[in-house]
PDB file of N, CA and C in Angstrom:
ATOM      1  N   UNK A   1      24.360  31.489  -3.328  1.00  0.00           N
ATOM      2  CA  UNK A   1      23.618  31.356  -4.615  1.00  0.00           C
ATOM      3  C   UNK A   1      24.046  30.136  -5.102  1.00  0.00           C
ATOM      4  N   UNK A   2      25.310  29.645  -5.009  1.00  0.00           N
ATOM      5  CA  UNK A   2      25.850  28.403  -5.544  1.00  0.00           C
ATOM      6  C   UNK A   2      25.463  27.434  -4.990  1.00  0.00           C
ATOM      7  N   UNK A   3      25.224  27.372  -3.554  1.00  0.00           N
ATOM      8  CA  UNK A   3      24.850  26.102  -2.714  1.00  0.00           C
ATOM      9  C   UNK A   3      23.439  25.970  -3.246  1.00  0.00           C
ATOM     10  N   UNK A   4      22.377  27.282  -3.155  1.00  0.00           N
ATOM     11  CA  UNK A   4      21.289  26.840  -3.823  1.00  0.00           C
ATOM     12  C   UNK A   4      21.172  25.953  -5.071  1.00  0.00           C
ATOM     13  N   UNK A   5      21.913  26.250  -6.099  1.00  0.00           N
ATOM     14  CA  UNK A   5      22.033  25.718  -7.213  1.00  0.00           C
ATOM     15  C   UNK A   5      22.680  24.503  -7.169  1.00  0.00           C
ATOM     16  N   UNK A   6      23.635  23.899  -6.154  1.00  0.00           N
ATOM     17  CA  UNK A   6      24.079  22.767  -6.003  1.00  0.00           C
ATOM     18  C   UNK A   6      22.967  21.911  -5.357  1.00  0.00           C
ATOM     19  N   UNK A   7      22.352  22.493  -4.552  1.00  0.00           N
ATOM     20  CA  UNK A   7      21.289  21.624  -3.773  1.00  0.00           C
ATOM     21  C   UNK A   7      19.968  20.901  -4.528  1.00  0.00           C
ATOM     22  N   UNK A   8      19.564  22.237  -5.652  1.00  0.00           N
ATOM     23  CA  UNK A   8      18.593  21.823  -6.725  1.00  0.00           C
ATOM     24  C   UNK A   8      19.169  20.777  -7.838  1.00  0.00           C
ATOM     25  N   UNK A   9      20.443  20.757  -7.782  1.00  0.00           N
ATOM     26  CA  UNK A   9      21.030  19.657  -8.934  1.00  0.00           C
ATOM     27  C   UNK A   9      21.297  18.334  -8.405  1.00  0.00           C
ATOM     28  N   UNK A  10      21.625  18.130  -6.870  1.00  0.00           N
ATOM     29  CA  UNK A  10      21.655  16.986  -6.098  1.00  0.00           C
ATOM     30  C   UNK A  10      20.417  16.422  -5.960  1.00  0.00           C
ATOM     31  N   UNK A  11      19.289  17.192  -5.657  1.00  0.00           N
ATOM     32  CA  UNK A  11      18.111  16.919  -5.433  1.00  0.00           C
ATOM     33  C   UNK A  11      17.564  15.806  -6.563  1.00  0.00           C
ATOM     34  N   UNK A  12      18.148  16.040  -7.899  1.00  0.00           N
ATOM     35  CA  UNK A  12      17.730  15.091  -8.975  1.00  0.00           C
ATOM     36  C   UNK A  12      17.957  13.703  -8.825  1.00  0.00           C
ATOM     37  N   UNK A  13      19.237  13.364  -8.324  1.00  0.00           N
ATOM     38  CA  UNK A  13      19.669  12.243  -7.669  1.00  0.00           C
ATOM     39  C   UNK A  13      18.599  10.923  -7.149  1.00  0.00           C
ATOM     40  N   UNK A  14      18.074  11.588  -5.764  1.00  0.00           N
ATOM     41  CA  UNK A  14      17.241  10.548  -5.350  1.00  0.00           C
ATOM     42  C   UNK A  14      15.942  10.794  -5.983  1.00  0.00           C
ATOM     43  N   UNK A  15      15.654  12.087  -6.579  1.00  0.00           N
ATOM     44  CA  UNK A  15      14.290  11.833  -7.363  1.00  0.00           C
ATOM     45  C   UNK A  15      14.182  11.019  -8.455  1.00  0.00           C
ATOM     46  N   UNK A  16      15.259  10.798  -8.976  1.00  0.00           N
ATOM     47  CA  UNK A  16      15.104   9.848 -10.365  1.00  0.00           C
ATOM     48  C   UNK A  16      15.228   8.635  -9.843  1.00  0.00           C
ATOM     49  N   UNK A  17      15.982   8.030  -8.520  1.00  0.00           N
ATOM     50  CA  UNK A  17      16.029   6.631  -8.099  1.00  0.00           C
ATOM     51  C   UNK A  17      14.222   6.399  -7.449  1.00  0.00           C
ATOM     52  N   UNK A  18      13.842   7.432  -7.245  1.00  0.00           N
ATOM     53  CA  UNK A  18      12.498   7.110  -6.512  1.00  0.00           C
ATOM     54  C   UNK A  18      11.280   7.086  -7.553  1.00  0.00           C
ATOM     55  N   UNK A  19      11.628   8.042  -8.853  1.00  0.00           N
ATOM     56  CA  UNK A  19      10.638   8.276  -9.747  1.00  0.00           C
ATOM     57  C   UNK A  19      10.608   6.450 -10.437  1.00  0.00           C
ATOM     58  N   UNK A  20      12.119   6.107 -10.753  1.00  0.00           N
ATOM     59  CA  UNK A  20      12.194   4.423 -11.177  1.00  0.00           C
ATOM     60  C   UNK A  20      11.326   3.636 -10.404  1.00  0.00           C
ATOM     61  N   UNK A  21      10.702   3.940  -9.218  1.00  0.00           N
ATOM     62  CA  UNK A  21      10.300   2.888  -8.469  1.00  0.00           C
ATOM     63  C   UNK A  21       9.080   3.136  -8.349  1.00  0.00           C
ATOM     64  N   UNK A  22       8.583   4.051  -8.904  1.00  0.00           N
ATOM     65  CA  UNK A  22       7.134   4.323  -8.914  1.00  0.00           C
ATOM     66  C   UNK A  22       6.665   5.900  -7.961  1.00  0.00           C
ATOM     67  N   UNK A  23       7.541   6.463  -7.470  1.00  0.00           N
ATOM     68  CA  UNK A  23       7.131   7.399  -6.705  1.00  0.00           C
ATOM     69  C   UNK A  23       7.038   8.818  -7.401  1.00  0.00           C
ATOM     70  N   UNK A  24       6.450   9.941  -6.589  1.00  0.00           N
ATOM     71  CA  UNK A  24       6.599  11.202  -7.028  1.00  0.00           C
ATOM     72  C   UNK A  24       8.023  11.944  -7.238  1.00  0.00           C
ATOM     73  N   UNK A  25       8.145  12.418  -8.562  1.00  0.00           N
ATOM     74  CA  UNK A  25       9.484  13.029  -8.888  1.00  0.00           C
ATOM     75  C   UNK A  25       9.564  14.216  -8.041  1.00  0.00           C
ATOM     76  N   UNK A  26       8.525  14.971  -8.044  1.00  0.00           N
ATOM     77  CA  UNK A  26       8.657  16.468  -7.440  1.00  0.00           C
ATOM     78  C   UNK A  26       8.909  16.452  -5.901  1.00  0.00           C
ATOM     79  N   UNK A  27       7.961  15.435  -5.222  1.00  0.00           N
ATOM     80  CA  UNK A  27       8.141  15.165  -3.882  1.00  0.00           C
ATOM     81  C   UNK A  27       9.449  14.687  -3.319  1.00  0.00           C
ATOM     82  N   UNK A  28      10.188  13.846  -4.161  1.00  0.00           N
ATOM     83  CA  UNK A  28      11.373  13.277  -3.958  1.00  0.00           C
ATOM     84  C   UNK A  28      12.597  14.299  -4.463  1.00  0.00           C
ATOM     85  N   UNK A  29      12.250  15.127  -5.246  1.00  0.00           N
ATOM     86  CA  UNK A  29      13.368  16.290  -5.663  1.00  0.00           C
ATOM     87  C   UNK A  29      13.189  17.365  -4.491  1.00  0.00           C
ATOM     88  N   UNK A  30      12.255  17.861  -3.908  1.00  0.00           N
ATOM     89  CA  UNK A  30      12.302  18.662  -2.763  1.00  0.00           C
ATOM     90  C   UNK A  30      12.948  18.059  -1.633  1.00  0.00           C
ATOM     91  N   UNK A  31      12.575  16.804  -1.408  1.00  0.00           N
ATOM     92  CA  UNK A  31      13.247  16.134  -0.122  1.00  0.00           C
ATOM     93  C   UNK A  31      14.667  16.041  -0.607  1.00  0.00           C
ATOM     94  N   UNK A  32      15.185  15.631  -1.652  1.00  0.00           N
ATOM     95  CA  UNK A  32      16.527  15.366  -1.783  1.00  0.00           C
ATOM     96  C   UNK A  32      17.208  16.928  -1.958  1.00  0.00           C
ATOM     97  N   UNK A  33      16.883  17.902  -2.109  1.00  0.00           N
ATOM     98  CA  UNK A  33      17.437  18.948  -2.432  1.00  0.00           C
ATOM     99  C   UNK A  33      17.540  19.657  -0.692  1.00  0.00           C
ATOM    100  N   UNK A  34      16.467  19.177  -0.095  1.00  0.00           N
ATOM    101  CA  UNK A  34      16.658  19.950   1.434  1.00  0.00           C
ATOM    102  C   UNK A  34      17.453  19.043   2.184  1.00  0.00           C
ATOM    103  N   UNK A  35      17.084  17.792   1.912  1.00  0.00           N
ATOM    104  CA  UNK A  35      17.978  16.619   2.919  1.00  0.00           C
ATOM    105  C   UNK A  35      18.505  15.467   2.128  1.00  0.00           C
ATOM    106  N   UNK A  36      19.551  15.884   1.394  1.00  0.00           N
ATOM    107  CA  UNK A  36      20.366  15.006   0.394  1.00  0.00           C
ATOM    108  C   UNK A  36      20.909  13.736   0.966  1.00  0.00           C
ATOM    109  N   UNK A  37      21.563  14.071   2.102  1.00  0.00           N
ATOM    110  CA  UNK A  37      22.097  13.031   3.011  1.00  0.00           C
ATOM    111  C   UNK A  37      21.296  12.128   3.490  1.00  0.00           C
ATOM    112  N   UNK A  38      19.888  12.358   3.509  1.00  0.00           N
ATOM    113  CA  UNK A  38      19.193  11.317   4.081  1.00  0.00           C
ATOM    114  C   UNK A  38      18.451  10.857   3.038  1.00  0.00           C
ATOM    115  N   UNK A  39      17.913  11.500   2.017  1.00  0.00           N
ATOM    116  CA  UNK A  39      17.214  11.494   0.960  1.00  0.00           C
ATOM    117  C   UNK A  39      17.766  10.135  -0.095  1.00  0.00           C
ATOM    118  N   UNK A  40      19.195  10.340   0.072  1.00  0.00           N
ATOM    119  CA  UNK A  40      19.553   9.285  -1.148  1.00  0.00           C
ATOM    120  C   UNK A  40      19.811   7.866  -0.426  1.00  0.00           C
ATOM    121  N   UNK A  41      20.265   7.565   0.859  1.00  0.00           N
ATOM    122  CA  UNK A  41      20.021   6.093   1.121  1.00  0.00           C
ATOM    123  C   UNK A  41      18.599   5.879   1.050  1.00  0.00           C
ATOM    124  N   UNK A  42      17.757   6.586   1.398  1.00  0.00           N
ATOM    125  CA  UNK A  42      16.308   6.348   1.917  1.00  0.00           C
ATOM    126  C   UNK A  42      15.684   6.050   0.182  1.00  0.00           C
ATOM    127  N   UNK A  43      16.110   6.590  -0.681  1.00  0.00           N
ATOM    128  CA  UNK A  43      15.676   6.390  -2.039  1.00  0.00           C
ATOM    129  C   UNK A  43      16.219   4.858  -2.604  1.00  0.00           C
ATOM    130  N   UNK A  44      17.669   4.705  -2.070  1.00  0.00           N
ATOM    131  CA  UNK A  44      17.654   3.621  -2.264  1.00  0.00           C
ATOM    132  C   UNK A  44      17.195   2.335  -1.786  1.00  0.00           C
ATOM    133  N   UNK A  45      16.604   2.418  -0.612  1.00  0.00           N
ATOM    134  CA  UNK A  45      15.922   1.538   0.160  1.00  0.00           C
ATOM    135  C   UNK A  45      14.766   1.269   0.182  1.00  0.00           C
ATOM    136  N   UNK A  46      13.820   2.340  -0.355  1.00  0.00           N
ATOM    137  CA  UNK A  46      12.398   2.114  -0.601  1.00  0.00           C
ATOM    138  C   UNK A  46      12.309   1.098  -1.753  1.00  0.00           C
ATOM    139  N   UNK A  47      10.842   0.332  -1.454  1.00  0.00           N
ATOM    140  CA  UNK A  47      10.646  -0.686  -2.389  1.00  0.00           C
ATOM    141  C   UNK A  47       9.682  -0.060  -3.517  1.00  0.00           C
ATOM    142  N   UNK A  48       9.763  -0.874  -4.417  1.00  0.00           N
ATOM    143  CA  UNK A  48       8.751  -0.436  -5.624  1.00  0.00           C
ATOM    144  C   UNK A  48       7.540  -0.139  -5.191  1.00  0.00           C
ATOM    145  N   UNK A  49       6.642   0.882  -5.583  1.00  0.00           N
ATOM    146  CA  UNK A  49       5.349   0.767  -5.660  1.00  0.00           C
ATOM    147  C   UNK A  49       4.619   0.289  -6.902  1.00  0.00           C
ATOM    148  N   UNK A  50       4.089  -1.031  -6.409  1.00  0.00           N
ATOM    149  CA  UNK A  50       3.739  -2.013  -7.256  1.00  0.00           C
ATOM    150  C   UNK A  50       2.434  -1.298  -8.316  1.00  0.00           C
ATOM    151  N   UNK A  51       1.508  -0.910  -7.563  1.00  0.00           N
ATOM    152  CA  UNK A  51       0.526  -0.490  -8.343  1.00  0.00           C
ATOM    153  C   UNK A  51       0.865   0.735  -9.301  1.00  0.00           C
ATOM    154  N   UNK A  52       1.548   1.591  -8.608  1.00  0.00           N
ATOM    155  CA  UNK A  52       2.120   2.869  -9.601  1.00  0.00           C
ATOM    156  C   UNK A  52       2.699   2.308 -10.882  1.00  0.00           C
ATOM    157  N   UNK A  53       3.524   1.191 -10.622  1.00  0.00           N
ATOM    158  CA  UNK A  53       4.303   0.410 -12.005  1.00  0.00           C
ATOM    159  C   UNK A  53       3.512   0.016 -12.861  1.00  0.00           C
ATOM    160  N   UNK A  54       2.756  -0.722 -12.284  1.00  0.00           N
ATOM    161  CA  UNK A  54       1.760  -1.532 -13.005  1.00  0.00           C
ATOM    162  C   UNK A  54       0.713  -0.413 -13.877  1.00  0.00           C
ATOM    163  N   UNK A  55       0.588   0.709 -13.476  1.00  0.00           N
ATOM    164  CA  UNK A  55      -0.266   1.813 -13.915  1.00  0.00           C
ATOM    165  C   UNK A  55       0.283   2.289 -14.981  1.00  0.00           C
ATOM    166  N   UNK A  56       1.785   2.423 -15.031  1.00  0.00           N
ATOM    167  CA  UNK A  56       2.757   3.036 -15.919  1.00  0.00           C
ATOM    168  C   UNK A  56       2.932   1.918 -17.058  1.00  0.00           C
ATOM    169  N   UNK A  57       2.941   0.678 -16.871  1.00  0.00           N
ATOM    170  CA  UNK A  57       2.833   0.017 -17.797  1.00  0.00           C
ATOM    171  C   UNK A  57       1.429  -0.209 -18.687  1.00  0.00           C
ATOM    172  N   UNK A  58       0.320   0.013 -17.719  1.00  0.00           N
ATOM    173  CA  UNK A  58      -0.730  -0.329 -18.794  1.00  0.00           C
ATOM    174  C   UNK A  58      -0.867   0.937 -19.619  1.00  0.00           C
ATOM    175  N   UNK A  59      -0.359   2.317 -18.947  1.00  0.00           N
ATOM    176  CA  UNK A  59      -0.375   3.443 -19.709  1.00  0.00           C
ATOM    177  C   UNK A  59       0.465   3.375 -21.094  1.00  0.00           C
ATOM    178  N   UNK A  60       1.795   2.560 -20.970  1.00  0.00           N
ATOM    179  CA  UNK A  60       2.656   2.464 -22.169  1.00  0.00           C
ATOM    180  C   UNK A  60       2.546   1.081 -23.234  1.00  0.00           C
ATOM    181  N   UNK A  61       1.117   0.571 -22.869  1.00  0.00           N
ATOM    182  CA  UNK A  61       0.611  -0.255 -24.035  1.00  0.00           C
ATOM    183  C   UNK A  61       0.878  -1.804 -23.374  1.00  0.00           C
ATOM    184  N   UNK A  62       0.945  -2.096 -22.221  1.00  0.00           N
ATOM    185  CA  UNK A  62       1.176  -3.410 -21.488  1.00  0.00           C
ATOM    186  C   UNK A  62      -0.477  -4.083 -20.912  1.00  0.00           C
ATOM    187  N   UNK A  63      -0.547  -4.995 -20.643  1.00  0.00           N
ATOM    188  CA  UNK A  63      -1.858  -5.695 -20.425  1.00  0.00           C
ATOM    189  C   UNK A  63      -1.279  -6.885 -19.318  1.00  0.00           C
ATOM    190  N   UNK A  64      -2.467  -7.112 -18.487  1.00  0.00           N
ATOM    191  CA  UNK A  64      -2.037  -8.270 -17.491  1.00  0.00           C
ATOM    192  C   UNK A  64      -2.508  -9.746 -18.156  1.00  0.00           C
ATOM    193  N   UNK A  65      -1.726 -10.697 -18.013  1.00  0.00           N
ATOM    194  CA  UNK A  65      -2.490 -12.109 -18.508  1.00  0.00           C
ATOM    195  C   UNK A  65      -3.192 -12.509 -17.446  1.00  0.00           C
ATOM    196  N   UNK A  66      -4.107 -12.902 -18.060  1.00  0.00           N
ATOM    197  CA  UNK A  66      -5.405 -13.304 -17.536  1.00  0.00           C
ATOM    198  C   UNK A  66      -5.244 -14.815 -16.717  1.00  0.00           C
ATOM    199  N   UNK A  67      -4.077 -15.444 -16.824  1.00  0.00           N
ATOM    200  CA  UNK A  67      -3.616 -16.847 -16.354  1.00  0.00           C
ATOM    201  C   UNK A  67      -2.696 -16.589 -15.180  1.00  0.00           C
ATOM    202  N   UNK A  68      -1.469 -15.854 -15.759  1.00  0.00           N
ATOM    203  CA  UNK A  68      -0.628 -15.816 -14.617  1.00  0.00           C
ATOM    204  C   UNK A  68      -0.329 -14.319 -13.734  1.00  0.00           C
ATOM    205  N   UNK A  69      -1.214 -13.480 -14.305  1.00  0.00           N
ATOM    206  CA  UNK A  69      -1.165 -12.220 -14.240  1.00  0.00           C
ATOM    207  C   UNK A  69       0.381 -11.324 -13.935  1.00  0.00           C
ATOM    208  N   UNK A  70       1.040 -11.610 -15.210  1.00  0.00           N
ATOM    209  CA  UNK A  70       2.116 -10.889 -15.411  1.00  0.00           C
ATOM    210  C   UNK A  70       1.878 -10.012 -16.416  1.00  0.00           C
ATOM    211  N   UNK A  71       2.401  -8.814 -16.379  1.00  0.00           N
ATOM    212  CA  UNK A  71       2.276  -7.913 -17.533  1.00  0.00           C
ATOM    213  C   UNK A  71       3.102  -8.211 -18.963  1.00  0.00           C
ATOM    214  N   UNK A  72       1.972  -8.248 -20.037  1.00  0.00           N
ATOM    215  CA  UNK A  72       2.662  -8.457 -21.528  1.00  0.00           C
ATOM    216  C   UNK A  72       2.363  -7.284 -22.258  1.00  0.00           C
ATOM    217  N   UNK A  73       2.818  -7.211 -23.265  1.00  0.00           N
ATOM    218  CA  UNK A  73       2.541  -6.499 -24.184  1.00  0.00           C
ATOM    219  C   UNK A  73       1.001  -6.911 -24.538  1.00  0.00           C
ATOM    220  N   UNK A  74      -0.004  -5.416 -25.094  1.00  0.00           N
ATOM    221  CA  UNK A  74      -1.332  -5.647 -25.402  1.00  0.00           C
ATOM    222  C   UNK A  74      -1.339  -6.434 -26.879  1.00  0.00           C
ATOM    223  N   UNK A  75      -0.625  -6.478 -27.571  1.00  0.00           N
ATOM    224  CA  UNK A  75      -0.519  -7.080 -29.225  1.00  0.00           C
ATOM    225  C   UNK A  75      -0.123  -8.691 -28.887  1.00  0.00           C
ATOM    226  N   UNK A  76       0.110  -9.088 -27.640  1.00  0.00           N
ATOM    227  CA  UNK A  76       0.688 -10.527 -27.556  1.00  0.00           C
ATOM    228  C   UNK A  76      -0.655 -11.449 -27.633  1.00  0.00           C
ATOM    229  N   UNK A  77      -0.369 -12.520 -28.411  1.00  0.00           N
ATOM    230  CA  UNK A  77      -1.896 -13.592 -28.436  1.00  0.00           C
ATOM    231  C   UNK A  77      -1.055 -14.680 -27.387  1.00  0.00           C
ATOM    232  N   UNK A  78      -0.005 -15.091 -27.310  1.00  0.00           N
ATOM    233  CA  UNK A  78       0.650 -16.081 -26.142  1.00  0.00           C
ATOM    234  C   UNK A  78       1.264 -15.126 -24.952  1.00  0.00           C
ATOM    235  N   UNK A  79       1.275 -15.728 -23.817  1.00  0.00           N
ATOM    236  CA  UNK A  79       1.838 -15.022 -22.846  1.00  0.00           C
ATOM    237  C   UNK A  79       3.402 -15.503 -22.566  1.00  0.00           C
ATOM    238  N   UNK A  80       4.270 -14.841 -22.813  1.00  0.00           N
ATOM    239  CA  UNK A  80       5.747 -15.361 -22.638  1.00  0.00           C
ATOM    240  C   UNK A  80       6.149 -15.973 -21.239  1.00  0.00           C
ATOM    241  N   UNK A  81       5.418 -15.689 -20.395  1.00  0.00           N
ATOM    242  CA  UNK A  81       5.681 -16.402 -19.178  1.00  0.00           C
ATOM    243  C   UNK A  81       5.139 -17.998 -18.550  1.00  0.00           C
ATOM    244  N   UNK A  82       3.880 -17.863 -19.111  1.00  0.00           N
ATOM    245  CA  UNK A  82       3.140 -19.160 -18.749  1.00  0.00           C
ATOM    246  C   UNK A  82       2.891 -19.941 -20.144  1.00  0.00           C
ATOM    247  N   UNK A  83       3.043 -19.128 -21.183  1.00  0.00           N
ATOM    248  CA  UNK A  83       2.803 -19.782 -22.408  1.00  0.00           C
ATOM    249  C   UNK A  83       1.234 -20.136 -22.736  1.00  0.00           C
ATOM    250  N   UNK A  84       0.294 -19.645 -22.304  1.00  0.00           N
ATOM    251  CA  UNK A  84      -1.136 -19.723 -22.239  1.00  0.00           C
ATOM    252  C   UNK A  84      -1.689 -18.590 -23.650  1.00  0.00           C
ATOM    253  N   UNK A  85      -2.603 -19.003 -24.255  1.00  0.00           N
ATOM    254  CA  UNK A  85      -3.228 -18.339 -25.072  1.00  0.00           C
ATOM    255  C   UNK A  85      -3.986 -17.070 -24.382  1.00  0.00           C
ATOM    256  N   UNK A  86      -3.877 -15.920 -25.104  1.00  0.00           N
ATOM    257  CA  UNK A  86      -4.433 -14.690 -24.175  1.00  0.00           C
ATOM    258  C   UNK A  86      -5.710 -14.168 -24.941  1.00  0.00           C
TER     259      UNK A  86
END
């Protein structure tokens, strides 16, 4: 029983890392609980899912600059990257 509890808890580590890179928390949690020794280095080596990260940024009040395509705050009048009026 203790081993199951430990597996559930250590599965949170690769799941949290993968979630920060835009991947499914639940899928990576299951993967991490079952194969922690493989899932941890895998979660550290995967690249960010750019589309998922951008979608989360849009949901949190960001928008893409029309000139340089960087994510900026929705209320911004001037892009902080290219200094163009938005």
